[in-house]
Every structure is written in structure tokens, then in C-alpha cells.
Amino acid sequence: KAFGTCVSHIGAILSTYTPVVISSVMHRVAR
């Protein structure tokens, strides 16, 4: 129950930072 209150926020973090990380990696490994 306690951790369930964080699931939405974790989803928002992943949806925001995952594309940033992918884009950053692509700029370095696929120049």
C-alpha cells in the first residue's frame, strides 16, 4: 500500500528521464 502510492510518480520519472538518457546515449554512440 505504501509503495503503491509511489507507482505513478515512478512512472512519470521514467517517462521523462528515459528519453533523455536514450537521446544522450545516441548522441555519443551513434554520432
PDB file of all heavy atoms in Angstrom:
ATOM      1  N   LYS A   1       0.826  -1.205   0.000  1.00  0.00           N
ATOM      2  CA  LYS A   1       0.000   0.000   0.000  1.00  0.00           C
ATOM      3  C   LYS A   1       0.866   1.264   0.000  1.00  0.00           C
ATOM      4  O   LYS A   1       0.593   2.221  -0.733  1.00  0.00           O
ATOM      5  CB  LYS A   1      -0.919   0.003   1.223  1.00  0.00           C
ATOM      6  CG  LYS A   1      -1.926   1.143   1.228  1.00  0.00           C
ATOM      7  CD  LYS A   1      -2.867   1.025   2.405  1.00  0.00           C
ATOM      8  CE  LYS A   1      -3.866   2.186   2.409  1.00  0.00           C
ATOM      9  NZ  LYS A   1      -4.799   2.095   3.558  1.00  0.00           N
ATOM     10  N   ALA A   2       1.923   1.269   0.811  1.00  0.00           N
ATOM     11  CA  ALA A   2       2.799   2.437   0.901  1.00  0.00           C
ATOM     12  C   ALA A   2       3.537   2.666  -0.417  1.00  0.00           C
ATOM     13  O   ALA A   2       3.580   3.785  -0.934  1.00  0.00           O
ATOM     14  CB  ALA A   2       3.793   2.259   2.046  1.00  0.00           C
ATOM     15  N   PHE A   3       4.107   1.586  -0.950  1.00  0.00           N
ATOM     16  CA  PHE A   3       4.867   1.748  -2.190  1.00  0.00           C
ATOM     17  C   PHE A   3       3.952   1.987  -3.384  1.00  0.00           C
ATOM     18  O   PHE A   3       4.354   2.614  -4.367  1.00  0.00           O
ATOM     19  CB  PHE A   3       5.755   0.529  -2.444  1.00  0.00           C
ATOM     20  CG  PHE A   3       6.926   0.826  -3.319  1.00  0.00           C
ATOM     21  CD1 PHE A   3       7.993   1.579  -2.837  1.00  0.00           C
ATOM     22  CD2 PHE A   3       6.975   0.366  -4.633  1.00  0.00           C
ATOM     23  CE1 PHE A   3       9.086   1.868  -3.646  1.00  0.00           C
ATOM     24  CE2 PHE A   3       8.066   0.667  -5.435  1.00  0.00           C
ATOM     25  CZ  PHE A   3       9.117   1.415  -4.944  1.00  0.00           C
ATOM     26  N   GLY A   4       2.704   1.521  -3.277  1.00  0.00           N
ATOM     27  CA  GLY A   4       1.735   1.739  -4.354  1.00  0.00           C
ATOM     28  C   GLY A   4       1.445   3.202  -4.593  1.00  0.00           C
ATOM     29  O   GLY A   4       1.114   3.609  -5.716  1.00  0.00           O
ATOM     30  N   THR A   5       1.597   4.025  -3.540  1.00  0.00           N
ATOM     31  CA  THR A   5       1.360   5.467  -3.706  1.00  0.00           C
ATOM     32  C   THR A   5       2.473   6.143  -4.518  1.00  0.00           C
ATOM     33  O   THR A   5       2.322   7.287  -4.937  1.00  0.00           O
ATOM     34  CB  THR A   5       1.257   6.168  -2.333  1.00  0.00           C
ATOM     35  OG1 THR A   5       2.510   6.044  -1.646  1.00  0.00           O
ATOM     36  CG2 THR A   5       0.148   5.555  -1.489  1.00  0.00           C
ATOM     37  N   CYS A   6       3.568   5.415  -4.724  1.00  0.00           N
ATOM     38  CA  CYS A   6       4.710   5.990  -5.469  1.00  0.00           C
ATOM     39  C   CYS A   6       4.741   5.541  -6.925  1.00  0.00           C
ATOM     40  O   CYS A   6       5.537   6.082  -7.709  1.00  0.00           O
ATOM     41  CB  CYS A   6       6.024   5.561  -4.813  1.00  0.00           C
ATOM     42  SG  CYS A   6       6.196   6.052  -3.088  1.00  0.00           S
ATOM     43  N   VAL A   7       3.904   4.579  -7.299  1.00  0.00           N
ATOM     44  CA  VAL A   7       3.992   3.986  -8.635  1.00  0.00           C
ATOM     45  C   VAL A   7       3.788   5.023  -9.728  1.00  0.00           C
ATOM     46  O   VAL A   7       4.527   5.065 -10.719  1.00  0.00           O
ATOM     47  CB  VAL A   7       2.974   2.840  -8.780  1.00  0.00           C
ATOM     48  CG1 VAL A   7       2.887   2.368 -10.227  1.00  0.00           C
ATOM     49  CG2 VAL A   7       3.358   1.681  -7.878  1.00  0.00           C
ATOM     50  N   SER A   8       2.791   5.897  -9.556  1.00  0.00           N
ATOM     51  CA  SER A   8       2.511   6.913 -10.575  1.00  0.00           C
ATOM     52  C   SER A   8       3.696   7.854 -10.747  1.00  0.00           C
ATOM     53  O   SER A   8       4.072   8.210 -11.869  1.00  0.00           O
ATOM     54  CB  SER A   8       1.258   7.714 -10.196  1.00  0.00           C
ATOM     55  OG  SER A   8       0.134   6.879 -10.118  1.00  0.00           O
ATOM     56  N   HIS A   9       4.285   8.248  -9.624  1.00  0.00           N
ATOM     57  CA  HIS A   9       5.423   9.169  -9.696  1.00  0.00           C
ATOM     58  C   HIS A   9       6.623   8.497 -10.353  1.00  0.00           C
ATOM     59  O   HIS A   9       7.330   9.123 -11.154  1.00  0.00           O
ATOM     60  CB  HIS A   9       5.791   9.655  -8.294  1.00  0.00           C
ATOM     61  CG  HIS A   9       6.940  10.615  -8.286  1.00  0.00           C
ATOM     62  ND1 HIS A   9       8.139  10.335  -7.651  1.00  0.00           N
ATOM     63  CD2 HIS A   9       7.099  11.829  -8.871  1.00  0.00           C
ATOM     64  CE1 HIS A   9       8.970  11.346  -7.831  1.00  0.00           C
ATOM     65  NE2 HIS A   9       8.372  12.267  -8.562  1.00  0.00           N
ATOM     66  N   ILE A  10       6.861   7.236 -10.031  1.00  0.00           N
ATOM     67  CA  ILE A  10       7.965   6.500 -10.664  1.00  0.00           C
ATOM     68  C   ILE A  10       7.731   6.420 -12.172  1.00  0.00           C
ATOM     69  O   ILE A  10       8.663   6.580 -12.978  1.00  0.00           O
ATOM     70  CB  ILE A  10       8.104   5.090 -10.049  1.00  0.00           C
ATOM     71  CG1 ILE A  10       8.570   5.206  -8.595  1.00  0.00           C
ATOM     72  CG2 ILE A  10       9.079   4.237 -10.857  1.00  0.00           C
ATOM     73  CD1 ILE A  10       8.560   3.898  -7.832  1.00  0.00           C
ATOM     74  N   GLY A  11       6.475   6.193 -12.570  1.00  0.00           N
ATOM     75  CA  GLY A  11       6.144   6.161 -13.997  1.00  0.00           C
ATOM     76  C   GLY A  11       6.432   7.489 -14.666  1.00  0.00           C
ATOM     77  O   GLY A  11       6.955   7.543 -15.792  1.00  0.00           O
ATOM     78  N   ALA A  12       6.100   8.593 -13.987  1.00  0.00           N
ATOM     79  CA  ALA A  12       6.356   9.930 -14.537  1.00  0.00           C
ATOM     80  C   ALA A  12       7.862  10.181 -14.672  1.00  0.00           C
ATOM     81  O   ALA A  12       8.322  10.760 -15.661  1.00  0.00           O
ATOM     82  CB  ALA A  12       5.715  10.997 -13.661  1.00  0.00           C
ATOM     83  N   ILE A  13       8.631   9.730 -13.675  1.00  0.00           N
ATOM     84  CA  ILE A  13      10.091   9.892 -13.729  1.00  0.00           C
ATOM     85  C   ILE A  13      10.675   9.118 -14.905  1.00  0.00           C
ATOM     86  O   ILE A  13      11.490   9.636 -15.673  1.00  0.00           O
ATOM     87  CB  ILE A  13      10.731   9.419 -12.407  1.00  0.00           C
ATOM     88  CG1 ILE A  13      10.372  10.370 -11.273  1.00  0.00           C
ATOM     89  CG2 ILE A  13      12.249   9.320 -12.544  1.00  0.00           C
ATOM     90  CD1 ILE A  13      10.752   9.855  -9.914  1.00  0.00           C
ATOM     91  N   LEU A  14      10.229   7.866 -15.066  1.00  0.00           N
ATOM     92  CA  LEU A  14      10.732   7.041 -16.163  1.00  0.00           C
ATOM     93  C   LEU A  14      10.356   7.619 -17.520  1.00  0.00           C
ATOM     94  O   LEU A  14      11.164   7.628 -18.448  1.00  0.00           O
ATOM     95  CB  LEU A  14      10.199   5.609 -16.030  1.00  0.00           C
ATOM     96  CG  LEU A  14      10.735   4.794 -14.849  1.00  0.00           C
ATOM     97  CD1 LEU A  14      10.039   3.445 -14.761  1.00  0.00           C
ATOM     98  CD2 LEU A  14      12.242   4.600 -14.970  1.00  0.00           C
ATOM     99  N   SER A  15       9.109   8.127 -17.629  1.00  0.00           N
ATOM    100  CA  SER A  15       8.668   8.687 -18.916  1.00  0.00           C
ATOM    101  C   SER A  15       9.431   9.954 -19.270  1.00  0.00           C
ATOM    102  O   SER A  15       9.589  10.288 -20.450  1.00  0.00           O
ATOM    103  CB  SER A  15       7.168   8.986 -18.878  1.00  0.00           C
ATOM    104  OG  SER A  15       6.882  10.131 -18.088  1.00  0.00           O
ATOM    105  N   THR A  16       9.925  10.673 -18.264  1.00  0.00           N
ATOM    106  CA  THR A  16      10.657  11.922 -18.506  1.00  0.00           C
ATOM    107  C   THR A  16      12.140  11.685 -18.742  1.00  0.00           C
ATOM    108  O   THR A  16      12.721  12.207 -19.697  1.00  0.00           O
ATOM    109  CB  THR A  16      10.482  12.890 -17.318  1.00  0.00           C
ATOM    110  OG1 THR A  16       9.082  13.174 -17.155  1.00  0.00           O
ATOM    111  CG2 THR A  16      11.231  14.193 -17.557  1.00  0.00           C
ATOM    112  N   TYR A  17      12.759  10.894 -17.877  1.00  0.00           N
ATOM    113  CA  TYR A  17      14.216  10.757 -17.938  1.00  0.00           C
ATOM    114  C   TYR A  17      14.703   9.680 -18.903  1.00  0.00           C
ATOM    115  O   TYR A  17      15.831   9.765 -19.396  1.00  0.00           O
ATOM    116  CB  TYR A  17      14.766  10.481 -16.537  1.00  0.00           C
ATOM    117  CG  TYR A  17      14.758  11.697 -15.648  1.00  0.00           C
ATOM    118  CD1 TYR A  17      13.938  11.771 -14.525  1.00  0.00           C
ATOM    119  CD2 TYR A  17      15.551  12.799 -15.945  1.00  0.00           C
ATOM    120  CE1 TYR A  17      13.914  12.898 -13.714  1.00  0.00           C
ATOM    121  CE2 TYR A  17      15.536  13.931 -15.136  1.00  0.00           C
ATOM    122  CZ  TYR A  17      14.718  13.966 -14.026  1.00  0.00           C
ATOM    123  OH  TYR A  17      14.704  15.095 -13.228  1.00  0.00           O
ATOM    124  N   THR A  18      13.877   8.661 -19.194  1.00  0.00           N
ATOM    125  CA  THR A  18      14.306   7.617 -20.127  1.00  0.00           C
ATOM    126  C   THR A  18      14.605   8.170 -21.514  1.00  0.00           C
ATOM    127  O   THR A  18      15.673   7.865 -22.085  1.00  0.00           O
ATOM    128  CB  THR A  18      13.259   6.490 -20.209  1.00  0.00           C
ATOM    129  OG1 THR A  18      13.048   5.933 -18.912  1.00  0.00           O
ATOM    130  CG2 THR A  18      13.729   5.392 -21.163  1.00  0.00           C
ATOM    131  N   PRO A  19      13.717   9.004 -22.118  1.00  0.00           N
ATOM    132  CA  PRO A  19      14.074   9.587 -23.423  1.00  0.00           C
ATOM    133  C   PRO A  19      15.331  10.452 -23.369  1.00  0.00           C
ATOM    134  O   PRO A  19      16.091  10.501 -24.338  1.00  0.00           O
ATOM    135  CB  PRO A  19      12.844  10.435 -23.778  1.00  0.00           C
ATOM    136  CG  PRO A  19      11.724   9.849 -22.999  1.00  0.00           C
ATOM    137  CD  PRO A  19      12.341   9.368 -21.724  1.00  0.00           C
ATOM    138  N   VAL A  20      15.563  11.144 -22.233  1.00  0.00           N
ATOM    139  CA  VAL A  20      16.767  11.966 -22.085  1.00  0.00           C
ATOM    140  C   VAL A  20      18.011  11.081 -22.143  1.00  0.00           C
ATOM    141  O   VAL A  20      18.987  11.400 -22.837  1.00  0.00           O
ATOM    142  CB  VAL A  20      16.734  12.745 -20.753  1.00  0.00           C
ATOM    143  CG1 VAL A  20      18.048  13.489 -20.544  1.00  0.00           C
ATOM    144  CG2 VAL A  20      15.575  13.725 -20.739  1.00  0.00           C
ATOM    145  N   VAL A  21      17.976   9.982 -21.410  1.00  0.00           N
ATOM    146  CA  VAL A  21      19.120   9.066 -21.376  1.00  0.00           C
ATOM    147  C   VAL A  21      19.342   8.447 -22.750  1.00  0.00           C
ATOM    148  O   VAL A  21      20.486   8.371 -23.241  1.00  0.00           O
ATOM    149  CB  VAL A  21      18.895   7.968 -20.313  1.00  0.00           C
ATOM    150  CG1 VAL A  21      19.996   6.913 -20.397  1.00  0.00           C
ATOM    151  CG2 VAL A  21      18.846   8.583 -18.921  1.00  0.00           C
ATOM    152  N   ILE A  22      18.257   8.014 -23.408  1.00  0.00           N
ATOM    153  CA  ILE A  22      18.381   7.398 -24.742  1.00  0.00           C
ATOM    154  C   ILE A  22      18.980   8.389 -25.727  1.00  0.00           C
ATOM    155  O   ILE A  22      19.886   8.060 -26.494  1.00  0.00           O
ATOM    156  CB  ILE A  22      17.001   6.912 -25.233  1.00  0.00           C
ATOM    157  CG1 ILE A  22      16.516   5.731 -24.382  1.00  0.00           C
ATOM    158  CG2 ILE A  22      17.078   6.489 -26.708  1.00  0.00           C
ATOM    159  CD1 ILE A  22      15.096   5.296 -24.694  1.00  0.00           C
ATOM    160  N   SER A  23      18.468   9.638 -25.700  1.00  0.00           N
ATOM    161  CA  SER A  23      18.974  10.664 -26.613  1.00  0.00           C
ATOM    162  C   SER A  23      20.448  10.955 -26.343  1.00  0.00           C
ATOM    163  O   SER A  23      21.255  11.100 -27.278  1.00  0.00           O
ATOM    164  CB  SER A  23      18.150  11.949 -26.455  1.00  0.00           C
ATOM    165  OG  SER A  23      18.605  12.949 -27.325  1.00  0.00           O
ATOM    166  N   SER A  24      20.822  11.029 -25.056  1.00  0.00           N
ATOM    167  CA  SER A  24      22.212  11.295 -24.686  1.00  0.00           C
ATOM    168  C   SER A  24      23.135  10.174 -25.162  1.00  0.00           C
ATOM    169  O   SER A  24      24.211  10.432 -25.709  1.00  0.00           O
ATOM    170  CB  SER A  24      22.317  11.460 -23.171  1.00  0.00           C
ATOM    171  OG  SER A  24      23.647  11.666 -22.773  1.00  0.00           O
ATOM    172  N   VAL A  25      22.695   8.925 -24.984  1.00  0.00           N
ATOM    173  CA  VAL A  25      23.495   7.784 -25.418  1.00  0.00           C
ATOM    174  C   VAL A  25      23.639   7.779 -26.938  1.00  0.00           C
ATOM    175  O   VAL A  25      24.731   7.538 -27.484  1.00  0.00           O
ATOM    176  CB  VAL A  25      22.862   6.463 -24.929  1.00  0.00           C
ATOM    177  CG1 VAL A  25      23.544   5.256 -25.571  1.00  0.00           C
ATOM    178  CG2 VAL A  25      22.949   6.365 -23.409  1.00  0.00           C
ATOM    179  N   MET A  26      22.529   8.073 -27.633  1.00  0.00           N
ATOM    180  CA  MET A  26      22.564   8.088 -29.101  1.00  0.00           C
ATOM    181  C   MET A  26      23.534   9.137 -29.631  1.00  0.00           C
ATOM    182  O   MET A  26      24.222   8.920 -30.620  1.00  0.00           O
ATOM    183  CB  MET A  26      21.163   8.347 -29.650  1.00  0.00           C
ATOM    184  CG  MET A  26      20.233   7.149 -29.584  1.00  0.00           C
ATOM    185  SD  MET A  26      20.763   5.800 -30.654  1.00  0.00           S
ATOM    186  CE  MET A  26      20.509   6.534 -32.272  1.00  0.00           C
ATOM    187  N   HIS A  27      23.574  10.297 -28.967  1.00  0.00           N
ATOM    188  CA  HIS A  27      24.480  11.356 -29.415  1.00  0.00           C
ATOM    189  C   HIS A  27      25.942  10.939 -29.285  1.00  0.00           C
ATOM    190  O   HIS A  27      26.806  11.461 -29.997  1.00  0.00           O
ATOM    191  CB  HIS A  27      24.239  12.631 -28.595  1.00  0.00           C
ATOM    192  CG  HIS A  27      23.173  13.508 -29.173  1.00  0.00           C
ATOM    193  ND1 HIS A  27      23.343  14.223 -30.331  1.00  0.00           N
ATOM    194  CD2 HIS A  27      21.912  13.771 -28.756  1.00  0.00           C
ATOM    195  CE1 HIS A  27      22.245  14.904 -30.610  1.00  0.00           C
ATOM    196  NE2 HIS A  27      21.355  14.640 -29.669  1.00  0.00           N
ATOM    197  N   ARG A  28      26.223  10.002 -28.378  1.00  0.00           N
ATOM    198  CA  ARG A  28      27.608   9.604 -28.134  1.00  0.00           C
ATOM    199  C   ARG A  28      27.998   8.341 -28.899  1.00  0.00           C
ATOM    200  O   ARG A  28      29.117   8.256 -29.400  1.00  0.00           O
ATOM    201  CB  ARG A  28      27.828   9.410 -26.630  1.00  0.00           C
ATOM    202  CG  ARG A  28      27.966  10.745 -25.899  1.00  0.00           C
ATOM    203  CD  ARG A  28      27.616  10.666 -24.434  1.00  0.00           C
ATOM    204  NE  ARG A  28      27.746  11.985 -23.813  1.00  0.00           N
ATOM    205  CZ  ARG A  28      26.863  12.964 -23.939  1.00  0.00           C
ATOM    206  NH1 ARG A  28      25.790  12.776 -24.677  1.00  0.00           N
ATOM    207  NH2 ARG A  28      27.038  14.129 -23.353  1.00  0.00           N
ATOM    208  N   VAL A  29      27.108   7.369 -28.988  1.00  0.00           N
ATOM    209  CA  VAL A  29      27.466   6.107 -29.640  1.00  0.00           C
ATOM    210  C   VAL A  29      27.049   6.071 -31.106  1.00  0.00           C
ATOM    211  O   VAL A  29      27.483   5.187 -31.842  1.00  0.00           O
ATOM    212  CB  VAL A  29      26.839   4.902 -28.893  1.00  0.00           C
ATOM    213  CG1 VAL A  29      27.262   4.898 -27.445  1.00  0.00           C
ATOM    214  CG2 VAL A  29      25.322   4.901 -29.005  1.00  0.00           C
ATOM    215  N   ALA A  30      26.167   6.994 -31.506  1.00  0.00           N
ATOM    216  CA  ALA A  30      25.711   6.988 -32.907  1.00  0.00           C
ATOM    217  C   ALA A  30      25.840   8.392 -33.502  1.00  0.00           C
ATOM    218  O   ALA A  30      24.894   8.938 -34.060  1.00  0.00           O
ATOM    219  CB  ALA A  30      24.278   6.490 -32.988  1.00  0.00           C
ATOM    220  N   ARG A  31      27.027   8.955 -33.386  1.00  0.00           N
ATOM    221  CA  ARG A  31      27.243  10.320 -33.891  1.00  0.00           C
ATOM    222  C   ARG A  31      27.085  10.404 -35.398  1.00  0.00           C
ATOM    223  O   ARG A  31      26.761  11.462 -35.941  1.00  0.00           O
ATOM    224  CB  ARG A  31      28.647  10.803 -33.491  1.00  0.00           C
ATOM    225  CG  ARG A  31      28.800  11.049 -31.996  1.00  0.00           C
ATOM    226  CD  ARG A  31      30.176  11.593 -31.672  1.00  0.00           C
ATOM    227  NE  ARG A  31      30.319  11.861 -30.245  1.00  0.00           N
ATOM    228  CZ  ARG A  31      31.429  12.341 -29.682  1.00  0.00           C
ATOM    229  NH1 ARG A  31      32.474  12.625 -30.439  1.00  0.00           N
ATOM    230  NH2 ARG A  31      31.475  12.556 -28.376  1.00  0.00           N
TER     231      ARG A  31
END
